[in-house]
PDB file of N, CA and C in Angstrom:
ATOM      1  N   UNK A   1     -93.900 -50.020   7.141  1.00  0.00           N
ATOM      2  CA  UNK A   1     -94.941 -50.293   6.219  1.00  0.00           C
ATOM      3  C   UNK A   1     -94.442 -49.937   4.814  1.00  0.00           C
ATOM      4  N   UNK A   2     -94.795 -50.699   3.862  1.00  0.00           N
ATOM      5  CA  UNK A   2     -94.383 -50.447   2.456  1.00  0.00           C
ATOM      6  C   UNK A   2     -95.611 -50.175   1.595  1.00  0.00           C
ATOM      7  N   UNK A   3     -95.503 -49.218   0.696  1.00  0.00           N
ATOM      8  CA  UNK A   3     -96.609 -48.832  -0.188  1.00  0.00           C
ATOM      9  C   UNK A   3     -96.296 -49.205  -1.653  1.00  0.00           C
ATOM     10  N   UNK A   4     -97.222 -49.864  -2.277  1.00  0.00           N
ATOM     11  CA  UNK A   4     -97.164 -50.118  -3.729  1.00  0.00           C
ATOM     12  C   UNK A   4     -98.052 -49.093  -4.350  1.00  0.00           C
ATOM     13  N   UNK A   5     -97.499 -48.332  -5.318  1.00  0.00           N
ATOM     14  CA  UNK A   5     -98.245 -47.209  -5.878  1.00  0.00           C
ATOM     15  C   UNK A   5     -98.719 -47.544  -7.313  1.00  0.00           C
ATOM     16  N   UNK A   6     -99.980 -47.208  -7.594  1.00  0.00           N
ATOM     17  CA  UNK A   6    -100.643 -47.541  -8.830  1.00  0.00           C
ATOM     18  C   UNK A   6    -101.206 -46.226  -9.406  1.00  0.00           C
ATOM     19  N   UNK A   7    -101.392 -46.212 -10.751  1.00  0.00           N
ATOM     20  CA  UNK A   7    -102.004 -45.102 -11.442  1.00  0.00           C
ATOM     21  C   UNK A   7    -103.139 -45.611 -12.263  1.00  0.00           C
ATOM     22  N   UNK A   8    -104.330 -45.004 -12.095  1.00  0.00           N
ATOM     23  CA  UNK A   8    -105.526 -45.327 -12.896  1.00  0.00           C
ATOM     24  C   UNK A   8    -105.847 -44.171 -13.781  1.00  0.00           C
ATOM     25  N   UNK A   9    -105.774 -44.398 -15.087  1.00  0.00           N
ATOM     26  CA  UNK A   9    -106.207 -43.406 -16.091  1.00  0.00           C
ATOM     27  C   UNK A   9    -107.405 -44.004 -16.807  1.00  0.00           C
ATOM     28  N   UNK A  10    -108.550 -43.527 -16.557  1.00  0.00           N
ATOM     29  CA  UNK A  10    -109.793 -44.157 -17.080  1.00  0.00           C
ATOM     30  C   UNK A  10    -109.807 -45.590 -16.587  1.00  0.00           C
ATOM     31  N   UNK A  11    -109.952 -46.545 -17.515  1.00  0.00           N
ATOM     32  CA  UNK A  11    -109.998 -47.963 -17.136  1.00  0.00           C
ATOM     33  C   UNK A  11    -108.660 -48.667 -17.146  1.00  0.00           C
ATOM     34  N   UNK A  12    -107.607 -47.912 -17.303  1.00  0.00           N
ATOM     35  CA  UNK A  12    -106.281 -48.515 -17.398  1.00  0.00           C
ATOM     36  C   UNK A  12    -105.545 -48.343 -16.010  1.00  0.00           C
ATOM     37  N   UNK A  13    -105.269 -49.464 -15.374  1.00  0.00           N
ATOM     38  CA  UNK A  13    -104.497 -49.506 -14.156  1.00  0.00           C
ATOM     39  C   UNK A  13    -103.092 -49.989 -14.444  1.00  0.00           C
ATOM     40  N   UNK A  14    -102.120 -49.234 -13.974  1.00  0.00           N
ATOM     41  CA  UNK A  14    -100.716 -49.602 -14.148  1.00  0.00           C
ATOM     42  C   UNK A  14     -99.876 -49.348 -12.894  1.00  0.00           C
ATOM     43  N   UNK A  15     -98.740 -49.975 -12.846  1.00  0.00           N
ATOM     44  CA  UNK A  15     -97.839 -49.725 -11.745  1.00  0.00           C
ATOM     45  C   UNK A  15     -97.209 -48.343 -11.938  1.00  0.00           C
ATOM     46  N   UNK A  16     -97.063 -47.606 -10.832  1.00  0.00           N
ATOM     47  CA  UNK A  16     -96.377 -46.299 -10.908  1.00  0.00           C
ATOM     48  C   UNK A  16     -94.914 -46.598 -11.218  1.00  0.00           C
ATOM     49  N   UNK A  17     -94.396 -46.044 -12.339  1.00  0.00           N
ATOM     50  CA  UNK A  17     -93.018 -46.315 -12.694  1.00  0.00           C
ATOM     51  C   UNK A  17     -91.964 -45.824 -11.735  1.00  0.00           C
ATOM     52  N   UNK A  18     -92.379 -44.937 -10.845  1.00  0.00           N
ATOM     53  CA  UNK A  18     -91.411 -44.426  -9.802  1.00  0.00           C
ATOM     54  C   UNK A  18     -91.391 -45.316  -8.556  1.00  0.00           C
ATOM     55  N   UNK A  19     -92.228 -46.345  -8.524  1.00  0.00           N
ATOM     56  CA  UNK A  19     -92.351 -47.234  -7.364  1.00  0.00           C
ATOM     57  C   UNK A  19     -91.577 -48.534  -7.626  1.00  0.00           C
ATOM     58  N   UNK A  20     -90.868 -48.994  -6.620  1.00  0.00           N
ATOM     59  CA  UNK A  20     -90.139 -50.249  -6.700  1.00  0.00           C
ATOM     60  C   UNK A  20     -91.035 -51.430  -6.330  1.00  0.00           C
ATOM     61  N   UNK A  21     -91.350 -52.315  -7.311  1.00  0.00           N
ATOM     62  CA  UNK A  21     -92.179 -53.451  -7.063  1.00  0.00           C
ATOM     63  C   UNK A  21     -91.327 -54.747  -6.889  1.00  0.00           C
ATOM     64  N   UNK A  22     -90.058 -54.594  -6.752  1.00  0.00           N
ATOM     65  CA  UNK A  22     -89.218 -55.797  -6.569  1.00  0.00           C
ATOM     66  C   UNK A  22     -89.090 -56.112  -5.075  1.00  0.00           C
ATOM     67  N   UNK A  23     -88.728 -57.339  -4.796  1.00  0.00           N
ATOM     68  CA  UNK A  23     -88.469 -57.753  -3.435  1.00  0.00           C
ATOM     69  C   UNK A  23     -89.701 -57.884  -2.565  1.00  0.00           C
ATOM     70  N   UNK A  24     -90.886 -57.976  -3.106  1.00  0.00           N
ATOM     71  CA  UNK A  24     -92.093 -58.189  -2.332  1.00  0.00           C
ATOM     72  C   UNK A  24     -92.117 -59.706  -1.943  1.00  0.00           C
ATOM     73  N   UNK A  25     -92.236 -59.985  -0.660  1.00  0.00           N
ATOM     74  CA  UNK A  25     -92.186 -61.349  -0.164  1.00  0.00           C
ATOM     75  C   UNK A  25     -93.542 -61.793   0.318  1.00  0.00           C
ATOM     76  N   UNK A  26     -93.985 -62.939  -0.176  1.00  0.00           N
ATOM     77  CA  UNK A  26     -95.302 -63.415   0.180  1.00  0.00           C
ATOM     78  C   UNK A  26     -95.443 -63.697   1.693  1.00  0.00           C
ATOM     79  N   UNK A  27     -96.659 -63.658   2.208  1.00  0.00           N
ATOM     80  CA  UNK A  27     -96.954 -64.033   3.570  1.00  0.00           C
ATOM     81  C   UNK A  27     -96.991 -62.873   4.545  1.00  0.00           C
ATOM     82  N   UNK A  28     -96.864 -61.641   4.083  1.00  0.00           N
ATOM     83  CA  UNK A  28     -96.946 -60.512   5.022  1.00  0.00           C
ATOM     84  C   UNK A  28     -98.373 -60.262   5.496  1.00  0.00           C
ATOM     85  N   UNK A  29     -98.506 -59.567   6.603  1.00  0.00           N
ATOM     86  CA  UNK A  29     -99.829 -59.250   7.182  1.00  0.00           C
ATOM     87  C   UNK A  29     -99.739 -57.827   7.772  1.00  0.00           C
ATOM     88  N   UNK A  30    -100.645 -56.968   7.311  1.00  0.00           N
ATOM     89  CA  UNK A  30    -100.706 -55.609   7.849  1.00  0.00           C
ATOM     90  C   UNK A  30     -99.499 -54.744   7.448  1.00  0.00           C
ATOM     91  N   UNK A  31     -98.700 -55.204   6.482  1.00  0.00           N
ATOM     92  CA  UNK A  31     -97.483 -54.489   6.111  1.00  0.00           C
ATOM     93  C   UNK A  31     -97.572 -53.769   4.811  1.00  0.00           C
ATOM     94  N   UNK A  32     -98.139 -54.421   3.769  1.00  0.00           N
ATOM     95  CA  UNK A  32     -98.175 -53.888   2.441  1.00  0.00           C
ATOM     96  C   UNK A  32     -99.470 -53.008   2.233  1.00  0.00           C
ATOM     97  N   UNK A  33     -99.247 -51.804   1.762  1.00  0.00           N
ATOM     98  CA  UNK A  33    -100.314 -50.905   1.427  1.00  0.00           C
ATOM     99  C   UNK A  33    -100.370 -50.698  -0.051  1.00  0.00           C
ATOM    100  N   UNK A  34    -101.556 -50.325  -0.588  1.00  0.00           N
ATOM    101  CA  UNK A  34    -101.677 -49.966  -1.950  1.00  0.00           C
ATOM    102  C   UNK A  34    -102.164 -48.536  -2.020  1.00  0.00           C
ATOM    103  N   UNK A  35    -101.531 -47.675  -2.792  1.00  0.00           N
ATOM    104  CA  UNK A  35    -101.939 -46.330  -2.984  1.00  0.00           C
ATOM    105  C   UNK A  35    -102.215 -46.095  -4.407  1.00  0.00           C
ATOM    106  N   UNK A  36    -103.389 -45.403  -4.752  1.00  0.00           N
ATOM    107  CA  UNK A  36    -103.775 -45.219  -6.130  1.00  0.00           C
ATOM    108  C   UNK A  36    -103.861 -43.754  -6.420  1.00  0.00           C
ATOM    109  N   UNK A  37    -103.449 -43.384  -7.597  1.00  0.00           N
ATOM    110  CA  UNK A  37    -103.616 -42.035  -8.145  1.00  0.00           C
ATOM    111  C   UNK A  37    -104.631 -42.144  -9.303  1.00  0.00           C
ATOM    112  N   UNK A  38    -105.601 -41.280  -9.313  1.00  0.00           N
ATOM    113  CA  UNK A  38    -106.714 -41.371 -10.289  1.00  0.00           C
ATOM    114  C   UNK A  38    -106.772 -40.095 -11.144  1.00  0.00           C
ATOM    115  N   UNK A  39    -107.201 -40.246 -12.423  1.00  0.00           N
ATOM    116  CA  UNK A  39    -107.447 -39.109 -13.269  1.00  0.00           C
ATOM    117  C   UNK A  39    -108.844 -38.549 -12.994  1.00  0.00           C
ATOM    118  N   UNK A  40    -109.253 -37.527 -13.727  1.00  0.00           N
ATOM    119  CA  UNK A  40    -110.503 -36.852 -13.506  1.00  0.00           C
ATOM    120  C   UNK A  40    -111.733 -37.703 -13.747  1.00  0.00           C
ATOM    121  N   UNK A  41    -111.626 -38.775 -14.529  1.00  0.00           N
ATOM    122  CA  UNK A  41    -112.802 -39.644 -14.715  1.00  0.00           C
ATOM    123  C   UNK A  41    -113.274 -40.310 -13.454  1.00  0.00           C
ATOM    124  N   UNK A  42    -112.458 -40.375 -12.469  1.00  0.00           N
ATOM    125  CA  UNK A  42    -112.763 -40.996 -11.193  1.00  0.00           C
ATOM    126  C   UNK A  42    -113.342 -39.991 -10.178  1.00  0.00           C
ATOM    127  N   UNK A  43    -113.401 -38.744 -10.520  1.00  0.00           N
ATOM    128  CA  UNK A  43    -113.834 -37.690  -9.615  1.00  0.00           C
ATOM    129  C   UNK A  43    -115.235 -37.999  -9.054  1.00  0.00           C
ATOM    130  N   UNK A  44    -115.352 -37.885  -7.760  1.00  0.00           N
ATOM    131  CA  UNK A  44    -116.638 -38.078  -7.053  1.00  0.00           C
ATOM    132  C   UNK A  44    -117.007 -39.536  -6.834  1.00  0.00           C
ATOM    133  N   UNK A  45    -116.217 -40.447  -7.232  1.00  0.00           N
ATOM    134  CA  UNK A  45    -116.529 -41.896  -7.090  1.00  0.00           C
ATOM    135  C   UNK A  45    -116.131 -42.372  -5.694  1.00  0.00           C
ATOM    136  N   UNK A  46    -116.927 -43.271  -5.159  1.00  0.00           N
ATOM    137  CA  UNK A  46    -116.479 -44.138  -4.097  1.00  0.00           C
ATOM    138  C   UNK A  46    -115.665 -45.242  -4.713  1.00  0.00           C
ATOM    139  N   UNK A  47    -114.521 -45.582  -4.086  1.00  0.00           N
ATOM    140  CA  UNK A  47    -113.594 -46.493  -4.756  1.00  0.00           C
ATOM    141  C   UNK A  47    -113.323 -47.709  -3.917  1.00  0.00           C
ATOM    142  N   UNK A  48    -113.242 -48.859  -4.601  1.00  0.00           N
ATOM    143  CA  UNK A  48    -112.888 -50.155  -3.926  1.00  0.00           C
ATOM    144  C   UNK A  48    -111.792 -50.824  -4.725  1.00  0.00           C
ATOM    145  N   UNK A  49    -110.736 -51.223  -3.998  1.00  0.00           N
ATOM    146  CA  UNK A  49    -109.679 -52.045  -4.644  1.00  0.00           C
ATOM    147  C   UNK A  49    -110.068 -53.516  -4.423  1.00  0.00           C
ATOM    148  N   UNK A  50    -109.975 -54.283  -5.487  1.00  0.00           N
ATOM    149  CA  UNK A  50    -110.323 -55.701  -5.405  1.00  0.00           C
ATOM    150  C   UNK A  50    -109.042 -56.513  -5.633  1.00  0.00           C
ATOM    151  N   UNK A  51    -108.591 -57.211  -4.640  1.00  0.00           N
ATOM    152  CA  UNK A  51    -107.434 -58.074  -4.736  1.00  0.00           C
ATOM    153  C   UNK A  51    -107.922 -59.477  -4.920  1.00  0.00           C
ATOM    154  N   UNK A  52    -107.325 -60.191  -5.877  1.00  0.00           N
ATOM    155  CA  UNK A  52    -107.749 -61.562  -6.168  1.00  0.00           C
ATOM    156  C   UNK A  52    -106.580 -62.487  -6.102  1.00  0.00           C
ATOM    157  N   UNK A  53    -106.890 -63.724  -5.681  1.00  0.00           N
ATOM    158  CA  UNK A  53    -105.888 -64.782  -5.575  1.00  0.00           C
ATOM    159  C   UNK A  53    -106.650 -66.101  -5.769  1.00  0.00           C
ATOM    160  N   UNK A  54    -106.225 -66.924  -6.676  1.00  0.00           N
ATOM    161  CA  UNK A  54    -106.826 -68.247  -6.899  1.00  0.00           C
ATOM    162  C   UNK A  54    -108.349 -68.132  -7.103  1.00  0.00           C
ATOM    163  N   UNK A  55    -108.810 -67.120  -7.762  1.00  0.00           N
ATOM    164  CA  UNK A  55    -110.257 -66.921  -8.083  1.00  0.00           C
ATOM    165  C   UNK A  55    -111.052 -66.340  -6.952  1.00  0.00           C
ATOM    166  N   UNK A  56    -110.470 -66.082  -5.818  1.00  0.00           N
ATOM    167  CA  UNK A  56    -111.219 -65.491  -4.690  1.00  0.00           C
ATOM    168  C   UNK A  56    -110.956 -64.004  -4.665  1.00  0.00           C
ATOM    169  N   UNK A  57    -111.968 -63.195  -4.404  1.00  0.00           N
ATOM    170  CA  UNK A  57    -111.877 -61.721  -4.367  1.00  0.00           C
ATOM    171  C   UNK A  57    -111.824 -61.217  -2.947  1.00  0.00           C
ATOM    172  N   UNK A  58    -111.020 -60.233  -2.708  1.00  0.00           N
ATOM    173  CA  UNK A  58    -110.865 -59.600  -1.408  1.00  0.00           C
ATOM    174  C   UNK A  58    -110.976 -58.080  -1.591  1.00  0.00           C
ATOM    175  N   UNK A  59    -112.224 -57.553  -1.582  1.00  0.00           N
ATOM    176  CA  UNK A  59    -112.410 -56.115  -1.820  1.00  0.00           C
ATOM    177  C   UNK A  59    -112.126 -55.307  -0.565  1.00  0.00           C
ATOM    178  N   UNK A  60    -111.547 -54.099  -0.784  1.00  0.00           N
ATOM    179  CA  UNK A  60    -111.210 -53.169   0.327  1.00  0.00           C
ATOM    180  C   UNK A  60    -111.606 -51.771  -0.130  1.00  0.00           C
ATOM    181  N   UNK A  61    -112.423 -51.129   0.702  1.00  0.00           N
ATOM    182  CA  UNK A  61    -112.772 -49.708   0.396  1.00  0.00           C
ATOM    183  C   UNK A  61    -111.581 -48.812   0.595  1.00  0.00           C
ATOM    184  N   UNK A  62    -111.355 -47.894  -0.325  1.00  0.00           N
ATOM    185  CA  UNK A  62    -110.243 -47.019  -0.245  1.00  0.00           C
ATOM    186  C   UNK A  62    -110.560 -45.839   0.673  1.00  0.00           C
ATOM    187  N   UNK A  63    -109.571 -45.448   1.445  1.00  0.00           N
ATOM    188  CA  UNK A  63    -109.632 -44.233   2.269  1.00  0.00           C
ATOM    189  C   UNK A  63    -108.458 -43.350   1.883  1.00  0.00           C
ATOM    190  N   UNK A  64    -108.730 -42.138   1.440  1.00  0.00           N
ATOM    191  CA  UNK A  64    -107.665 -41.272   0.893  1.00  0.00           C
ATOM    192  C   UNK A  64    -106.882 -42.029  -0.220  1.00  0.00           C
ATOM    193  N   UNK A  65    -107.620 -42.778  -1.022  1.00  0.00           N
ATOM    194  CA  UNK A  65    -107.009 -43.520  -2.146  1.00  0.00           C
ATOM    195  C   UNK A  65    -106.000 -44.525  -1.784  1.00  0.00           C
ATOM    196  N   UNK A  66    -106.050 -45.017  -0.490  1.00  0.00           N
ATOM    197  CA  UNK A  66    -105.104 -45.972   0.041  1.00  0.00           C
ATOM    198  C   UNK A  66    -105.799 -47.063   0.818  1.00  0.00           C
ATOM    199  N   UNK A  67    -105.197 -48.260   0.889  1.00  0.00           N
ATOM    200  CA  UNK A  67    -105.715 -49.340   1.692  1.00  0.00           C
ATOM    201  C   UNK A  67    -104.571 -50.297   2.061  1.00  0.00           C
ATOM    202  N   UNK A  68    -104.805 -51.113   3.067  1.00  0.00           N
ATOM    203  CA  UNK A  68    -103.887 -52.199   3.417  1.00  0.00           C
ATOM    204  C   UNK A  68    -104.313 -53.406   2.549  1.00  0.00           C
ATOM    205  N   UNK A  69    -103.323 -54.044   1.947  1.00  0.00           N
ATOM    206  CA  UNK A  69    -103.636 -55.218   1.117  1.00  0.00           C
ATOM    207  C   UNK A  69    -103.955 -56.395   2.044  1.00  0.00           C
ATOM    208  N   UNK A  70    -105.094 -57.015   1.767  1.00  0.00           N
ATOM    209  CA  UNK A  70    -105.511 -58.146   2.657  1.00  0.00           C
ATOM    210  C   UNK A  70    -104.481 -59.256   2.681  1.00  0.00           C
ATOM    211  N   UNK A  71    -104.286 -59.794   3.839  1.00  0.00           N
ATOM    212  CA  UNK A  71    -103.259 -60.904   3.985  1.00  0.00           C
ATOM    213  C   UNK A  71    -103.647 -62.083   3.222  1.00  0.00           C
ATOM    214  N   UNK A  72    -104.947 -62.361   2.973  1.00  0.00           N
ATOM    215  CA  UNK A  72    -105.361 -63.516   2.187  1.00  0.00           C
ATOM    216  C   UNK A  72    -104.857 -63.439   0.736  1.00  0.00           C
ATOM    217  N   UNK A  73    -104.662 -62.257   0.239  1.00  0.00           N
ATOM    218  CA  UNK A  73    -104.171 -62.074  -1.159  1.00  0.00           C
ATOM    219  C   UNK A  73    -102.654 -62.251  -1.195  1.00  0.00           C
ATOM    220  N   UNK A  74    -101.979 -62.250  -0.079  1.00  0.00           N
ATOM    221  CA  UNK A  74    -100.496 -62.232  -0.029  1.00  0.00           C
ATOM    222  C   UNK A  74     -99.900 -63.552   0.333  1.00  0.00           C
ATOM    223  N   UNK A  75    -100.620 -64.618   0.248  1.00  0.00           N
ATOM    224  CA  UNK A  75    -100.114 -65.937   0.667  1.00  0.00           C
ATOM    225  C   UNK A  75     -99.352 -66.726  -0.391  1.00  0.00           C
ATOM    226  N   UNK A  76     -99.515 -66.320  -1.680  1.00  0.00           N
ATOM    227  CA  UNK A  76     -98.884 -67.078  -2.750  1.00  0.00           C
ATOM    228  C   UNK A  76     -97.979 -66.186  -3.569  1.00  0.00           C
ATOM    229  N   UNK A  77     -97.417 -66.705  -4.629  1.00  0.00           N
ATOM    230  CA  UNK A  77     -96.382 -65.983  -5.371  1.00  0.00           C
ATOM    231  C   UNK A  77     -96.930 -64.862  -6.266  1.00  0.00           C
ATOM    232  N   UNK A  78     -98.253 -64.735  -6.403  1.00  0.00           N
ATOM    233  CA  UNK A  78     -98.764 -63.620  -7.117  1.00  0.00           C
ATOM    234  C   UNK A  78    -100.161 -63.305  -6.690  1.00  0.00           C
ATOM    235  N   UNK A  79    -100.609 -62.110  -6.909  1.00  0.00           N
ATOM    236  CA  UNK A  79    -102.027 -61.702  -6.704  1.00  0.00           C
ATOM    237  C   UNK A  79    -102.339 -60.651  -7.792  1.00  0.00           C
ATOM    238  N   UNK A  80    -103.613 -60.430  -7.988  1.00  0.00           N
ATOM    239  CA  UNK A  80    -104.068 -59.464  -8.970  1.00  0.00           C
ATOM    240  C   UNK A  80    -104.809 -58.348  -8.221  1.00  0.00           C
ATOM    241  N   UNK A  81    -104.899 -57.216  -8.851  1.00  0.00           N
ATOM    242  CA  UNK A  81    -105.655 -56.059  -8.299  1.00  0.00           C
ATOM    243  C   UNK A  81    -106.317 -55.290  -9.410  1.00  0.00           C
ATOM    244  N   UNK A  82    -107.550 -54.838  -9.170  1.00  0.00           N
ATOM    245  CA  UNK A  82    -108.261 -53.865  -9.999  1.00  0.00           C
ATOM    246  C   UNK A  82    -109.078 -52.995  -9.099  1.00  0.00           C
ATOM    247  N   UNK A  83    -109.555 -51.878  -9.661  1.00  0.00           N
ATOM    248  CA  UNK A  83    -110.276 -50.906  -8.909  1.00  0.00           C
ATOM    249  C   UNK A  83    -111.639 -50.612  -9.544  1.00  0.00           C
ATOM    250  N   UNK A  84    -112.639 -50.440  -8.686  1.00  0.00           N
ATOM    251  CA  UNK A  84    -113.959 -50.166  -9.087  1.00  0.00           C
ATOM    252  C   UNK A  84    -114.347 -48.814  -8.507  1.00  0.00           C
ATOM    253  N   UNK A  85    -114.975 -47.942  -9.290  1.00  0.00           N
ATOM    254  CA  UNK A  85    -115.472 -46.650  -8.774  1.00  0.00           C
ATOM    255  C   UNK A  85    -116.940 -46.465  -9.138  1.00  0.00           C
ATOM    256  N   UNK A  86    -117.723 -45.939  -8.198  1.00  0.00           N
ATOM    257  CA  UNK A  86    -119.165 -45.788  -8.377  1.00  0.00           C
ATOM    258  C   UNK A  86    -119.637 -44.473  -7.870  1.00  0.00           C
ATOM    259  N   UNK A  87    -120.500 -43.808  -8.646  1.00  0.00           N
ATOM    260  CA  UNK A  87    -121.232 -42.599  -8.206  1.00  0.00           C
ATOM    261  C   UNK A  87    -122.607 -42.694  -8.893  1.00  0.00           C
ATOM    262  N   UNK A  88    -123.492 -41.792  -8.610  1.00  0.00           N
ATOM    263  CA  UNK A  88    -124.855 -41.855  -9.142  1.00  0.00           C
ATOM    264  C   UNK A  88    -124.881 -42.131 -10.632  1.00  0.00           C
ATOM    265  N   UNK A  89    -125.408 -43.307 -10.998  1.00  0.00           N
ATOM    266  CA  UNK A  89    -125.582 -43.671 -12.399  1.00  0.00           C
ATOM    267  C   UNK A  89    -124.339 -43.874 -13.180  1.00  0.00           C
ATOM    268  N   UNK A  90    -123.246 -44.124 -12.486  1.00  0.00           N
ATOM    269  CA  UNK A  90    -121.891 -44.230 -13.153  1.00  0.00           C
ATOM    270  C   UNK A  90    -121.107 -45.302 -12.478  1.00  0.00           C
ATOM    271  N   UNK A  91    -120.441 -46.181 -13.237  1.00  0.00           N
ATOM    272  CA  UNK A  91    -119.527 -47.162 -12.688  1.00  0.00           C
ATOM    273  C   UNK A  91    -118.364 -47.330 -13.615  1.00  0.00           C
ATOM    274  N   UNK A  92    -117.171 -47.351 -13.051  1.00  0.00           N
ATOM    275  CA  UNK A  92    -115.955 -47.502 -13.827  1.00  0.00           C
ATOM    276  C   UNK A  92    -115.089 -48.639 -13.190  1.00  0.00           C
ATOM    277  N   UNK A  93    -114.445 -49.461 -13.989  1.00  0.00           N
ATOM    278  CA  UNK A  93    -113.643 -50.528 -13.526  1.00  0.00           C
ATOM    279  C   UNK A  93    -112.368 -50.615 -14.352  1.00  0.00           C
ATOM    280  N   UNK A  94    -111.225 -50.892 -13.687  1.00  0.00           N
ATOM    281  CA  UNK A  94    -109.954 -51.016 -14.383  1.00  0.00           C
ATOM    282  C   UNK A  94    -109.697 -52.444 -14.813  1.00  0.00           C
ATOM    283  N   UNK A  95    -108.666 -52.603 -15.580  1.00  0.00           N
ATOM    284  CA  UNK A  95    -108.130 -53.927 -15.949  1.00  0.00           C
ATOM    285  C   UNK A  95    -107.547 -54.546 -14.682  1.00  0.00           C
ATOM    286  N   UNK A  96    -107.268 -55.883 -14.710  1.00  0.00           N
ATOM    287  CA  UNK A  96    -106.694 -56.608 -13.624  1.00  0.00           C
ATOM    288  C   UNK A  96    -105.177 -56.517 -13.863  1.00  0.00           C
ATOM    289  N   UNK A  97    -104.452 -56.233 -12.808  1.00  0.00           N
ATOM    290  CA  UNK A  97    -102.992 -56.105 -12.857  1.00  0.00           C
ATOM    291  C   UNK A  97    -102.338 -57.149 -12.013  1.00  0.00           C
ATOM    292  N   UNK A  98    -101.408 -57.943 -12.525  1.00  0.00           N
ATOM    293  CA  UNK A  98    -100.729 -59.006 -11.759  1.00  0.00           C
ATOM    294  C   UNK A  98     -99.534 -58.441 -11.004  1.00  0.00           C
ATOM    295  N   UNK A  99     -99.408 -58.868  -9.765  1.00  0.00           N
ATOM    296  CA  UNK A  99     -98.264 -58.470  -8.934  1.00  0.00           C
ATOM    297  C   UNK A  99     -97.577 -59.791  -8.515  1.00  0.00           C
ATOM    298  N   UNK A 100     -96.250 -59.781  -8.756  1.00  0.00           N
ATOM    299  CA  UNK A 100     -95.452 -61.008  -8.408  1.00  0.00           C
ATOM    300  C   UNK A 100     -94.848 -60.769  -7.023  1.00  0.00           C
ATOM    301  N   UNK A 101     -94.716 -61.900  -6.286  1.00  0.00           N
ATOM    302  CA  UNK A 101     -94.056 -61.919  -4.953  1.00  0.00           C
ATOM    303  C   UNK A 101     -92.963 -62.985  -4.949  1.00  0.00           C
ATOM    304  N   UNK A 102     -92.075 -62.803  -4.061  1.00  0.00           N
ATOM    305  CA  UNK A 102     -91.004 -63.788  -3.874  1.00  0.00           C
ATOM    306  C   UNK A 102     -91.249 -64.664  -2.637  1.00  0.00           C
ATOM    307  N   UNK A 103     -90.417 -65.661  -2.471  1.00  0.00           N
ATOM    308  CA  UNK A 103     -90.385 -66.434  -1.254  1.00  0.00           C
ATOM    309  C   UNK A 103     -91.361 -67.568  -1.260  1.00  0.00           C
TER     310      UNK A 103
END
């Protein structure tokens, strides 16, 4: 299993610079995971990663700030991801980040 690591600082989502995002091949299933690191603004939030492809959204609830990327998002040469966090009277959402795939 391979993990793609992301960092969320407030509403800014970025690729973890220590993670290798090269050589991702489209069409995998149950193989790619996404792991997110969050700053204090996200404290106490329930978090959902939303993967999008061709205008369709595939939301996944995070467990220990990690999830398996849905296979539906991995069928083409790129997909996007953003994260939403919610707690009582508070909602935060990141920018959309594009991920390129090969093959």
